[in-house]
Amino acid sequence: EQLAIGEIIRYRLEVLVPETTSPSNYTLTDLLPPGLQFLNDNTAKLAFVSNQSGISSGFGTSPNVSGNQLSLSAVTPTYTLPSSAILPLHAPGIPFACGLQPSFNLGNLTNTDNDSDQEFIVLEFNALVCNIASNRNGTALNNSFGVLVGGQQVATSNSVSAVVVEPKIAITKVAAGSPIVNAQATYTITLAN
């Protein structure tokens, strides 16, 4: 992705969920680079994907979506994460600092969908490209996330990259006609991106 300062990128985290019960907090921590800002604007959405209603957490089973791994790309999360599940705690609408890494605490997670197919968590959120000195043309903003159970990291995602692009302004100035001493001159200034 190519992103200009002030643009928004939507990230999608997909996690394979084992058929078990996590003994304590199941947390996804996004490793946003310093050039991006998590948008705390009620657009973080969650879905549990299974072909039964076997996945539950501190949110109950309301985020469940019927499906399996064959239709995972078609899943659009619709359950809005409560602000209490997004760490560090901020009131809704209060912005995160640029580069502050959000964690999404799903509480105790249980997957009782005991069958041969796989179940997933899909979480999406928005991040803003910050207007900071390090966000220069060509800067790679690499992002990944980790899965923690009881505070212990159990998995790490692949890294995805977005590249900062800036306008490249060329300025030309041309005189109209031949200059005459002590006469008014007309110039055309052209700016091109």
N, C-alpha and C. Protein backbone atom coordinates (compact mmCIF):
# COMPACT_ATOMS: atom_id res chain seq x y z
N GLU A 1 0.83 -1.19 0.00
CA GLU A 1 0.00 0.00 0.00
C GLU A 1 0.87 1.24 0.00
N GLN A 2 0.45 2.25 -0.73
CA GLN A 2 1.09 3.56 -0.67
C GLN A 2 0.15 4.51 0.05
N LEU A 3 0.68 5.22 1.03
CA LEU A 3 -0.15 6.08 1.87
C LEU A 3 0.47 7.45 2.03
N ALA A 4 -0.36 8.46 1.92
CA ALA A 4 0.09 9.84 2.17
C ALA A 4 -0.21 10.21 3.62
N ILE A 5 0.46 11.22 4.11
CA ILE A 5 0.20 11.73 5.46
C ILE A 5 -1.29 12.08 5.56
N GLY A 6 -1.92 11.63 6.63
CA GLY A 6 -3.33 11.92 6.85
C GLY A 6 -4.28 10.87 6.29
N GLU A 7 -3.76 9.91 5.52
CA GLU A 7 -4.62 8.84 5.01
C GLU A 7 -4.84 7.78 6.08
N ILE A 8 -5.88 6.98 5.89
CA ILE A 8 -6.24 5.93 6.84
C ILE A 8 -6.06 4.58 6.15
N ILE A 9 -5.46 3.64 6.89
CA ILE A 9 -5.31 2.27 6.41
C ILE A 9 -6.12 1.37 7.35
N ARG A 10 -6.79 0.36 6.78
CA ARG A 10 -7.55 -0.59 7.59
C ARG A 10 -6.78 -1.89 7.65
N TYR A 11 -6.49 -2.33 8.85
CA TYR A 11 -5.78 -3.59 9.06
C TYR A 11 -6.77 -4.68 9.41
N ARG A 12 -6.42 -5.89 8.98
CA ARG A 12 -7.25 -7.07 9.24
C ARG A 12 -6.37 -8.13 9.87
N LEU A 13 -6.71 -8.53 11.08
CA LEU A 13 -5.98 -9.57 11.80
C LEU A 13 -6.80 -10.85 11.74
N GLU A 14 -6.19 -11.94 11.31
CA GLU A 14 -6.87 -13.24 11.25
C GLU A 14 -6.08 -14.22 12.09
N VAL A 15 -6.76 -14.90 13.03
CA VAL A 15 -6.09 -15.82 13.94
C VAL A 15 -6.82 -17.15 13.95
N LEU A 16 -6.08 -18.22 13.73
CA LEU A 16 -6.60 -19.57 13.85
C LEU A 16 -6.77 -19.87 15.34
N VAL A 17 -7.96 -20.35 15.75
CA VAL A 17 -8.24 -20.59 17.16
C VAL A 17 -8.27 -22.09 17.42
N PRO A 18 -7.40 -22.59 18.29
CA PRO A 18 -7.44 -24.02 18.61
C PRO A 18 -8.72 -24.38 19.36
N GLU A 19 -9.10 -25.64 19.27
CA GLU A 19 -10.31 -26.10 19.95
C GLU A 19 -9.95 -26.42 21.40
N THR A 20 -10.06 -25.36 22.22
CA THR A 20 -9.68 -25.46 23.62
C THR A 20 -10.24 -24.26 24.37
N THR A 21 -9.94 -24.18 25.64
CA THR A 21 -10.29 -23.02 26.44
C THR A 21 -9.00 -22.35 26.88
N SER A 22 -8.89 -21.03 26.65
CA SER A 22 -7.72 -20.32 27.14
C SER A 22 -7.95 -20.07 28.64
N PRO A 23 -6.96 -20.38 29.47
CA PRO A 23 -7.16 -20.26 30.91
C PRO A 23 -7.27 -18.82 31.40
N SER A 24 -6.78 -17.89 30.63
CA SER A 24 -6.86 -16.49 31.04
C SER A 24 -6.88 -15.61 29.80
N ASN A 25 -6.75 -14.33 29.98
CA ASN A 25 -6.96 -13.35 28.92
C ASN A 25 -6.31 -13.71 27.60
N TYR A 26 -7.13 -13.71 26.56
CA TYR A 26 -6.69 -13.94 25.18
C TYR A 26 -6.61 -12.55 24.54
N THR A 27 -5.41 -12.15 24.15
CA THR A 27 -5.18 -10.77 23.71
C THR A 27 -4.45 -10.74 22.38
N LEU A 28 -4.90 -9.86 21.50
CA LEU A 28 -4.19 -9.58 20.25
C LEU A 28 -3.54 -8.21 20.42
N THR A 29 -2.22 -8.14 20.27
CA THR A 29 -1.51 -6.87 20.38
C THR A 29 -0.94 -6.51 19.03
N ASP A 30 -1.37 -5.37 18.50
CA ASP A 30 -0.87 -4.93 17.20
C ASP A 30 0.40 -4.12 17.40
N LEU A 31 1.41 -4.41 16.60
CA LEU A 31 2.71 -3.76 16.74
C LEU A 31 2.84 -2.61 15.74
N LEU A 32 1.96 -1.64 15.90
CA LEU A 32 1.98 -0.47 15.01
C LEU A 32 3.32 0.23 15.07
N PRO A 33 3.88 0.62 13.92
CA PRO A 33 5.13 1.38 13.95
C PRO A 33 4.87 2.82 14.39
N PRO A 34 5.92 3.55 14.75
CA PRO A 34 5.75 4.93 15.24
C PRO A 34 5.03 5.87 14.27
N GLY A 35 5.02 5.57 12.98
CA GLY A 35 4.39 6.46 12.01
C GLY A 35 2.89 6.29 11.84
N LEU A 36 2.27 5.39 12.61
CA LEU A 36 0.83 5.14 12.51
C LEU A 36 0.15 5.35 13.85
N GLN A 37 -1.11 5.76 13.81
CA GLN A 37 -1.90 6.01 15.01
C GLN A 37 -3.18 5.20 14.95
N PHE A 38 -3.41 4.33 15.96
CA PHE A 38 -4.66 3.59 16.08
C PHE A 38 -5.80 4.59 16.26
N LEU A 39 -6.87 4.42 15.47
CA LEU A 39 -8.02 5.31 15.58
C LEU A 39 -9.04 4.70 16.54
N ASN A 40 -9.21 5.36 17.66
CA ASN A 40 -10.13 4.93 18.71
C ASN A 40 -11.50 5.54 18.43
N ASP A 41 -12.11 5.10 17.32
CA ASP A 41 -13.33 5.76 16.83
C ASP A 41 -14.49 4.78 16.60
N ASN A 42 -14.52 3.71 17.37
CA ASN A 42 -15.57 2.68 17.26
C ASN A 42 -15.59 1.96 15.92
N THR A 43 -14.46 1.92 15.21
CA THR A 43 -14.40 1.18 13.95
C THR A 43 -13.63 -0.13 14.11
N ALA A 44 -13.16 -0.46 15.32
CA ALA A 44 -12.54 -1.76 15.56
C ALA A 44 -13.66 -2.79 15.63
N LYS A 45 -13.64 -3.75 14.72
CA LYS A 45 -14.73 -4.73 14.60
C LYS A 45 -14.18 -6.14 14.74
N LEU A 46 -15.02 -7.04 15.27
CA LEU A 46 -14.61 -8.40 15.59
C LEU A 46 -15.62 -9.40 15.03
N ALA A 47 -15.11 -10.58 14.65
CA ALA A 47 -15.97 -11.71 14.29
C ALA A 47 -15.29 -12.99 14.73
N PHE A 48 -16.06 -13.91 15.28
CA PHE A 48 -15.60 -15.27 15.51
C PHE A 48 -16.16 -16.09 14.36
N VAL A 49 -15.30 -16.84 13.68
CA VAL A 49 -15.72 -17.57 12.49
C VAL A 49 -15.70 -19.06 12.78
N SER A 50 -16.86 -19.68 12.71
CA SER A 50 -16.99 -21.13 12.89
C SER A 50 -18.26 -21.57 12.19
N ASN A 51 -18.39 -22.88 11.96
CA ASN A 51 -19.62 -23.36 11.33
C ASN A 51 -20.65 -23.78 12.37
N GLN A 52 -20.33 -23.55 13.65
CA GLN A 52 -21.25 -23.73 14.75
C GLN A 52 -21.08 -22.51 15.65
N SER A 53 -21.81 -22.45 16.73
CA SER A 53 -21.63 -21.31 17.64
C SER A 53 -20.71 -21.73 18.78
N GLY A 54 -19.56 -22.29 18.44
CA GLY A 54 -18.67 -22.87 19.44
C GLY A 54 -17.68 -21.93 20.06
N ILE A 55 -17.46 -20.72 19.52
CA ILE A 55 -16.47 -19.82 20.08
C ILE A 55 -17.20 -18.81 20.97
N SER A 56 -16.68 -18.66 22.19
CA SER A 56 -17.25 -17.65 23.09
C SER A 56 -16.10 -16.99 23.85
N SER A 57 -16.38 -15.80 24.35
CA SER A 57 -15.38 -15.06 25.12
C SER A 57 -16.10 -14.22 26.15
N GLY A 58 -15.40 -13.23 26.67
CA GLY A 58 -16.02 -12.30 27.60
C GLY A 58 -17.17 -11.53 26.97
N PHE A 59 -17.26 -11.56 25.63
CA PHE A 59 -18.35 -10.87 24.93
C PHE A 59 -19.54 -11.78 24.71
N GLY A 60 -19.47 -13.04 25.16
CA GLY A 60 -20.51 -14.00 24.86
C GLY A 60 -20.28 -14.55 23.47
N THR A 61 -21.34 -14.98 22.80
CA THR A 61 -21.21 -15.55 21.46
C THR A 61 -21.71 -14.61 20.40
N SER A 62 -22.03 -13.38 20.76
CA SER A 62 -22.63 -12.45 19.79
C SER A 62 -21.78 -12.15 18.57
N PRO A 63 -20.41 -12.18 18.64
CA PRO A 63 -19.65 -11.88 17.43
C PRO A 63 -19.55 -13.03 16.43
N ASN A 64 -20.22 -14.17 16.69
CA ASN A 64 -20.06 -15.33 15.81
C ASN A 64 -20.60 -15.08 14.41
N VAL A 65 -19.86 -15.61 13.45
CA VAL A 65 -20.27 -15.58 12.05
C VAL A 65 -20.24 -17.01 11.56
N SER A 66 -21.26 -17.43 10.87
CA SER A 66 -21.27 -18.78 10.33
C SER A 66 -20.31 -18.86 9.15
N GLY A 67 -19.53 -19.88 9.11
CA GLY A 67 -18.59 -20.05 8.00
C GLY A 67 -17.45 -20.95 8.41
N ASN A 68 -16.43 -21.03 7.57
CA ASN A 68 -15.23 -21.80 7.88
C ASN A 68 -14.07 -21.20 7.12
N GLN A 69 -12.94 -21.90 7.10
CA GLN A 69 -11.75 -21.33 6.49
C GLN A 69 -11.91 -21.09 4.99
N LEU A 70 -12.82 -21.77 4.30
CA LEU A 70 -12.98 -21.57 2.87
C LEU A 70 -13.61 -20.22 2.55
N SER A 71 -14.37 -19.68 3.50
CA SER A 71 -15.04 -18.40 3.26
C SER A 71 -14.46 -17.27 4.12
N LEU A 72 -13.30 -17.48 4.71
CA LEU A 72 -12.72 -16.50 5.62
C LEU A 72 -12.54 -15.13 4.98
N SER A 73 -12.10 -15.09 3.73
CA SER A 73 -11.87 -13.80 3.07
C SER A 73 -13.17 -13.02 2.86
N ALA A 74 -14.29 -13.71 2.89
CA ALA A 74 -15.58 -13.04 2.69
C ALA A 74 -16.20 -12.53 3.99
N VAL A 75 -15.57 -12.84 5.12
CA VAL A 75 -16.11 -12.43 6.42
C VAL A 75 -15.87 -10.94 6.64
N THR A 76 -16.94 -10.24 6.97
CA THR A 76 -16.83 -8.82 7.36
C THR A 76 -17.22 -8.72 8.82
N PRO A 77 -16.25 -8.44 9.69
CA PRO A 77 -16.59 -8.30 11.11
C PRO A 77 -17.57 -7.15 11.33
N THR A 78 -18.57 -7.38 12.18
CA THR A 78 -19.59 -6.36 12.43
C THR A 78 -19.74 -6.03 13.92
N TYR A 79 -19.15 -6.85 14.80
CA TYR A 79 -19.29 -6.62 16.23
C TYR A 79 -18.30 -5.53 16.66
N THR A 80 -18.81 -4.40 17.15
CA THR A 80 -17.95 -3.31 17.59
C THR A 80 -17.35 -3.64 18.95
N LEU A 81 -16.03 -3.62 19.01
CA LEU A 81 -15.36 -3.91 20.28
C LEU A 81 -15.67 -2.82 21.29
N PRO A 82 -16.03 -3.18 22.51
CA PRO A 82 -16.26 -2.16 23.53
C PRO A 82 -14.93 -1.50 23.90
N SER A 83 -14.98 -0.25 24.32
CA SER A 83 -13.75 0.46 24.66
C SER A 83 -13.01 -0.22 25.80
N SER A 84 -13.72 -0.96 26.66
CA SER A 84 -13.07 -1.66 27.77
C SER A 84 -12.19 -2.80 27.28
N ALA A 85 -12.35 -3.24 26.05
CA ALA A 85 -11.55 -4.34 25.50
C ALA A 85 -10.31 -3.84 24.77
N ILE A 86 -10.18 -2.52 24.61
CA ILE A 86 -9.05 -1.96 23.87
C ILE A 86 -8.10 -1.31 24.88
N LEU A 87 -6.87 -1.80 24.90
CA LEU A 87 -5.88 -1.34 25.86
C LEU A 87 -4.74 -0.61 25.16
N PRO A 88 -4.08 0.36 25.76
CA PRO A 88 -4.42 0.89 27.08
C PRO A 88 -5.78 1.58 27.05
N LEU A 89 -6.46 1.56 28.19
CA LEU A 89 -7.82 2.09 28.25
C LEU A 89 -7.86 3.57 27.89
N HIS A 90 -8.75 3.90 26.97
CA HIS A 90 -9.03 5.28 26.58
C HIS A 90 -10.55 5.39 26.48
N ALA A 91 -11.07 6.52 26.80
CA ALA A 91 -12.50 6.73 26.58
C ALA A 91 -12.74 6.76 25.08
N PRO A 92 -13.92 6.30 24.62
CA PRO A 92 -14.21 6.34 23.18
C PRO A 92 -14.00 7.75 22.63
N GLY A 93 -13.34 7.83 21.49
CA GLY A 93 -13.10 9.11 20.84
C GLY A 93 -11.83 9.80 21.30
N ILE A 94 -11.25 9.38 22.43
CA ILE A 94 -9.98 9.97 22.88
C ILE A 94 -8.86 9.31 22.07
N PRO A 95 -8.07 10.11 21.36
CA PRO A 95 -7.10 9.52 20.46
C PRO A 95 -5.94 8.84 21.18
N PHE A 96 -5.43 7.81 20.55
CA PHE A 96 -4.18 7.18 20.98
C PHE A 96 -3.04 8.04 20.47
N ALA A 97 -1.90 7.99 21.13
CA ALA A 97 -0.72 8.69 20.64
C ALA A 97 -0.21 7.96 19.39
N CYS A 98 0.44 8.70 18.52
CA CYS A 98 1.02 8.11 17.32
C CYS A 98 2.05 7.07 17.74
N GLY A 99 1.93 5.85 17.21
CA GLY A 99 2.86 4.77 17.52
C GLY A 99 2.50 3.95 18.74
N LEU A 100 1.48 4.36 19.52
CA LEU A 100 1.05 3.58 20.68
C LEU A 100 0.38 2.31 20.17
N GLN A 101 0.84 1.18 20.65
CA GLN A 101 0.37 -0.11 20.14
C GLN A 101 -0.88 -0.58 20.88
N PRO A 102 -2.00 -0.75 20.16
CA PRO A 102 -3.23 -1.18 20.82
C PRO A 102 -3.24 -2.69 21.07
N SER A 103 -3.87 -3.07 22.17
CA SER A 103 -4.12 -4.48 22.47
C SER A 103 -5.62 -4.68 22.56
N PHE A 104 -6.07 -5.82 22.08
CA PHE A 104 -7.49 -6.13 22.06
C PHE A 104 -7.70 -7.35 22.96
N ASN A 105 -8.26 -7.11 24.15
CA ASN A 105 -8.42 -8.16 25.15
C ASN A 105 -9.78 -8.83 24.96
N LEU A 106 -9.76 -10.10 24.58
CA LEU A 106 -11.01 -10.84 24.33
C LEU A 106 -11.44 -11.64 25.55
N GLY A 107 -10.71 -11.51 26.66
CA GLY A 107 -11.08 -12.24 27.87
C GLY A 107 -10.76 -13.72 27.75
N ASN A 108 -11.44 -14.53 28.54
CA ASN A 108 -11.25 -15.98 28.45
C ASN A 108 -11.96 -16.49 27.22
N LEU A 109 -11.22 -17.13 26.33
CA LEU A 109 -11.76 -17.57 25.04
C LEU A 109 -11.96 -19.08 25.06
N THR A 110 -13.11 -19.53 24.58
CA THR A 110 -13.41 -20.96 24.51
C THR A 110 -13.86 -21.30 23.11
N ASN A 111 -13.27 -22.37 22.55
CA ASN A 111 -13.69 -22.88 21.24
C ASN A 111 -14.11 -24.33 21.42
N THR A 112 -15.43 -24.56 21.45
CA THR A 112 -15.97 -25.91 21.61
C THR A 112 -16.48 -26.47 20.30
N ASP A 113 -16.12 -25.85 19.18
CA ASP A 113 -16.54 -26.31 17.85
C ASP A 113 -15.66 -27.50 17.47
N ASN A 114 -15.93 -28.64 18.08
CA ASN A 114 -15.09 -29.82 17.95
C ASN A 114 -15.42 -30.60 16.68
N ASP A 115 -14.77 -30.19 15.58
CA ASP A 115 -14.97 -30.88 14.30
C ASP A 115 -13.68 -30.78 13.49
N SER A 116 -13.71 -31.22 12.24
CA SER A 116 -12.48 -31.30 11.45
C SER A 116 -12.07 -29.98 10.79
N ASP A 117 -12.98 -29.00 10.75
CA ASP A 117 -12.57 -27.73 10.11
C ASP A 117 -11.98 -26.78 11.16
N GLN A 118 -11.55 -25.61 10.69
CA GLN A 118 -10.87 -24.65 11.55
C GLN A 118 -11.77 -23.48 11.91
N GLU A 119 -11.47 -22.84 13.03
CA GLU A 119 -12.20 -21.68 13.49
C GLU A 119 -11.22 -20.51 13.61
N PHE A 120 -11.76 -19.29 13.46
CA PHE A 120 -10.89 -18.12 13.41
C PHE A 120 -11.47 -16.95 14.18
N ILE A 121 -10.58 -16.03 14.53
CA ILE A 121 -10.94 -14.70 14.99
C ILE A 121 -10.54 -13.76 13.86
N VAL A 122 -11.43 -12.84 13.49
CA VAL A 122 -11.11 -11.81 12.52
C VAL A 122 -11.37 -10.47 13.19
N LEU A 123 -10.34 -9.63 13.20
CA LEU A 123 -10.46 -8.32 13.84
C LEU A 123 -9.94 -7.28 12.86
N GLU A 124 -10.69 -6.21 12.68
CA GLU A 124 -10.27 -5.12 11.79
C GLU A 124 -10.28 -3.80 12.55
N PHE A 125 -9.33 -2.92 12.19
CA PHE A 125 -9.29 -1.59 12.80
C PHE A 125 -8.62 -0.62 11.84
N ASN A 126 -8.79 0.67 12.11
CA ASN A 126 -8.21 1.73 11.28
C ASN A 126 -7.01 2.36 11.97
N ALA A 127 -6.04 2.79 11.13
CA ALA A 127 -4.88 3.54 11.63
C ALA A 127 -4.64 4.71 10.68
N LEU A 128 -4.19 5.81 11.26
CA LEU A 128 -3.94 7.05 10.54
C LEU A 128 -2.44 7.21 10.33
N VAL A 129 -2.04 7.67 9.13
CA VAL A 129 -0.63 7.96 8.86
C VAL A 129 -0.33 9.32 9.49
N CYS A 130 0.58 9.32 10.47
CA CYS A 130 0.88 10.52 11.26
C CYS A 130 1.74 11.52 10.49
N ASN A 131 1.54 12.78 10.85
CA ASN A 131 2.34 13.85 10.29
C ASN A 131 3.53 14.09 11.23
N ILE A 132 4.55 13.21 11.10
CA ILE A 132 5.74 13.31 11.94
C ILE A 132 6.98 13.32 11.04
N ALA A 133 8.08 13.79 11.58
CA ALA A 133 9.30 13.97 10.79
C ALA A 133 9.80 12.67 10.16
N SER A 134 9.64 11.54 10.83
CA SER A 134 10.16 10.28 10.29
C SER A 134 9.32 9.73 9.14
N ASN A 135 8.11 10.22 8.94
CA ASN A 135 7.27 9.77 7.82
C ASN A 135 7.63 10.55 6.56
N ARG A 136 8.69 10.14 5.92
CA ARG A 136 9.19 10.76 4.69
C ARG A 136 8.88 9.86 3.51
N ASN A 137 8.95 10.42 2.33
CA ASN A 137 8.71 9.66 1.10
C ASN A 137 9.57 8.40 1.07
N GLY A 138 8.92 7.25 0.85
CA GLY A 138 9.63 5.98 0.76
C GLY A 138 9.79 5.24 2.07
N THR A 139 9.39 5.85 3.19
CA THR A 139 9.50 5.18 4.49
C THR A 139 8.54 4.00 4.55
N ALA A 140 9.06 2.82 4.91
CA ALA A 140 8.22 1.63 5.07
C ALA A 140 7.66 1.61 6.48
N LEU A 141 6.36 1.43 6.59
CA LEU A 141 5.67 1.29 7.87
C LEU A 141 5.27 -0.18 7.99
N ASN A 142 6.10 -0.97 8.65
CA ASN A 142 5.87 -2.41 8.78
C ASN A 142 5.02 -2.70 10.00
N ASN A 143 4.03 -3.55 9.84
CA ASN A 143 3.10 -3.85 10.92
C ASN A 143 2.90 -5.35 11.04
N SER A 144 2.82 -5.81 12.28
CA SER A 144 2.50 -7.21 12.58
C SER A 144 1.74 -7.22 13.90
N PHE A 145 1.35 -8.41 14.34
CA PHE A 145 0.67 -8.49 15.64
C PHE A 145 1.05 -9.79 16.33
N GLY A 146 0.83 -9.80 17.63
CA GLY A 146 1.10 -10.99 18.42
C GLY A 146 -0.15 -11.46 19.12
N VAL A 147 -0.19 -12.77 19.41
CA VAL A 147 -1.29 -13.36 20.17
C VAL A 147 -0.73 -13.75 21.53
N LEU A 148 -1.39 -13.26 22.57
CA LEU A 148 -0.96 -13.56 23.93
C LEU A 148 -2.08 -14.28 24.68
N VAL A 149 -1.70 -15.29 25.46
CA VAL A 149 -2.64 -15.99 26.33
C VAL A 149 -2.06 -15.91 27.73
N GLY A 150 -2.80 -15.29 28.63
CA GLY A 150 -2.32 -15.12 30.00
C GLY A 150 -1.04 -14.30 30.07
N GLY A 151 -0.87 -13.36 29.15
CA GLY A 151 0.30 -12.51 29.13
C GLY A 151 1.52 -13.11 28.44
N GLN A 152 1.44 -14.36 28.02
CA GLN A 152 2.54 -15.03 27.33
C GLN A 152 2.27 -15.05 25.83
N GLN A 153 3.25 -14.62 25.04
CA GLN A 153 3.07 -14.63 23.59
C GLN A 153 3.11 -16.06 23.07
N VAL A 154 2.08 -16.44 22.31
CA VAL A 154 1.99 -17.79 21.77
C VAL A 154 2.10 -17.82 20.25
N ALA A 155 1.97 -16.67 19.60
CA ALA A 155 2.07 -16.62 18.14
C ALA A 155 2.38 -15.20 17.70
N THR A 156 3.02 -15.09 16.52
CA THR A 156 3.31 -13.80 15.90
C THR A 156 2.90 -13.89 14.45
N SER A 157 2.33 -12.83 13.94
CA SER A 157 1.87 -12.80 12.54
C SER A 157 3.02 -12.48 11.60
N ASN A 158 2.72 -12.60 10.32
CA ASN A 158 3.61 -12.08 9.30
C ASN A 158 3.57 -10.55 9.36
N SER A 159 4.51 -9.92 8.71
CA SER A 159 4.56 -8.45 8.67
C SER A 159 4.01 -7.96 7.34
N VAL A 160 3.24 -6.89 7.38
CA VAL A 160 2.76 -6.26 6.15
C VAL A 160 3.32 -4.84 6.12
N SER A 161 3.54 -4.33 4.92
CA SER A 161 4.20 -3.05 4.79
C SER A 161 3.34 -2.06 4.01
N ALA A 162 3.37 -0.83 4.48
CA ALA A 162 2.80 0.30 3.75
C ALA A 162 3.94 1.29 3.56
N VAL A 163 3.94 2.00 2.45
CA VAL A 163 5.03 2.93 2.14
C VAL A 163 4.47 4.35 2.08
N VAL A 164 5.15 5.26 2.78
CA VAL A 164 4.74 6.67 2.80
C VAL A 164 5.11 7.31 1.47
N VAL A 165 4.15 8.02 0.90
CA VAL A 165 4.41 8.78 -0.32
C VAL A 165 4.12 10.25 -0.02
N GLU A 166 4.93 11.11 -0.61
CA GLU A 166 4.75 12.55 -0.45
C GLU A 166 4.64 13.17 -1.83
N PRO A 167 4.00 14.33 -1.93
CA PRO A 167 3.94 15.01 -3.22
C PRO A 167 5.35 15.40 -3.67
N LYS A 168 5.57 15.38 -4.97
CA LYS A 168 6.83 15.84 -5.54
C LYS A 168 6.49 17.02 -6.44
N ILE A 169 6.65 18.20 -5.89
CA ILE A 169 6.25 19.42 -6.59
C ILE A 169 7.42 19.94 -7.42
N ALA A 170 7.16 20.15 -8.71
CA ALA A 170 8.13 20.80 -9.60
C ALA A 170 7.60 22.20 -9.90
N ILE A 171 8.46 23.20 -9.77
CA ILE A 171 8.05 24.59 -10.00
C ILE A 171 8.86 25.14 -11.18
N THR A 172 8.15 25.71 -12.13
CA THR A 172 8.82 26.38 -13.26
C THR A 172 8.30 27.81 -13.36
N LYS A 173 9.21 28.72 -13.74
CA LYS A 173 8.86 30.13 -13.88
C LYS A 173 9.35 30.57 -15.27
N VAL A 174 8.44 31.11 -16.07
CA VAL A 174 8.76 31.51 -17.43
C VAL A 174 8.30 32.95 -17.65
N ALA A 175 9.18 33.77 -18.25
CA ALA A 175 8.81 35.15 -18.58
C ALA A 175 8.03 35.16 -19.89
N ALA A 176 6.98 36.00 -19.93
CA ALA A 176 6.20 36.15 -21.16
C ALA A 176 6.84 37.24 -22.00
N GLY A 177 7.32 36.89 -23.16
CA GLY A 177 7.96 37.87 -24.05
C GLY A 177 9.38 38.18 -23.61
N SER A 178 10.00 39.16 -24.28
CA SER A 178 11.36 39.59 -23.97
C SER A 178 11.31 40.69 -22.92
N PRO A 179 12.19 40.63 -21.93
CA PRO A 179 12.19 41.67 -20.89
C PRO A 179 12.63 43.02 -21.46
N ILE A 180 11.96 44.07 -21.03
CA ILE A 180 12.29 45.45 -21.44
C ILE A 180 12.65 46.21 -20.18
N VAL A 181 13.73 46.98 -20.22
CA VAL A 181 14.20 47.73 -19.05
C VAL A 181 13.12 48.71 -18.61
N ASN A 182 12.87 48.76 -17.31
CA ASN A 182 11.90 49.65 -16.67
C ASN A 182 10.46 49.43 -17.14
N ALA A 183 10.14 48.23 -17.64
CA ALA A 183 8.78 47.93 -18.07
C ALA A 183 8.20 46.82 -17.19
N GLN A 184 6.89 46.73 -17.18
CA GLN A 184 6.24 45.68 -16.41
C GLN A 184 6.51 44.35 -17.10
N ALA A 185 6.80 43.34 -16.29
CA ALA A 185 7.07 42.00 -16.84
C ALA A 185 5.99 41.05 -16.35
N THR A 186 5.65 40.07 -17.18
CA THR A 186 4.67 39.06 -16.82
C THR A 186 5.38 37.70 -16.79
N TYR A 187 5.13 36.99 -15.72
CA TYR A 187 5.72 35.67 -15.55
C TYR A 187 4.59 34.66 -15.36
N THR A 188 4.83 33.43 -15.81
CA THR A 188 3.92 32.33 -15.55
C THR A 188 4.65 31.34 -14.64
N ILE A 189 4.05 31.06 -13.49
CA ILE A 189 4.63 30.10 -12.57
C ILE A 189 3.74 28.86 -12.60
N THR A 190 4.33 27.69 -12.83
CA THR A 190 3.59 26.44 -12.92
C THR A 190 4.08 25.49 -11.84
N LEU A 191 3.14 24.95 -11.08
CA LEU A 191 3.46 23.93 -10.09
C LEU A 191 2.84 22.61 -10.57
N ALA A 192 3.66 21.57 -10.62
CA ALA A 192 3.19 20.26 -11.06
C ALA A 192 3.56 19.22 -10.02
N ASN A 193 2.63 18.31 -9.76
CA ASN A 193 2.91 17.23 -8.82
C ASN A 193 3.35 16.02 -9.64
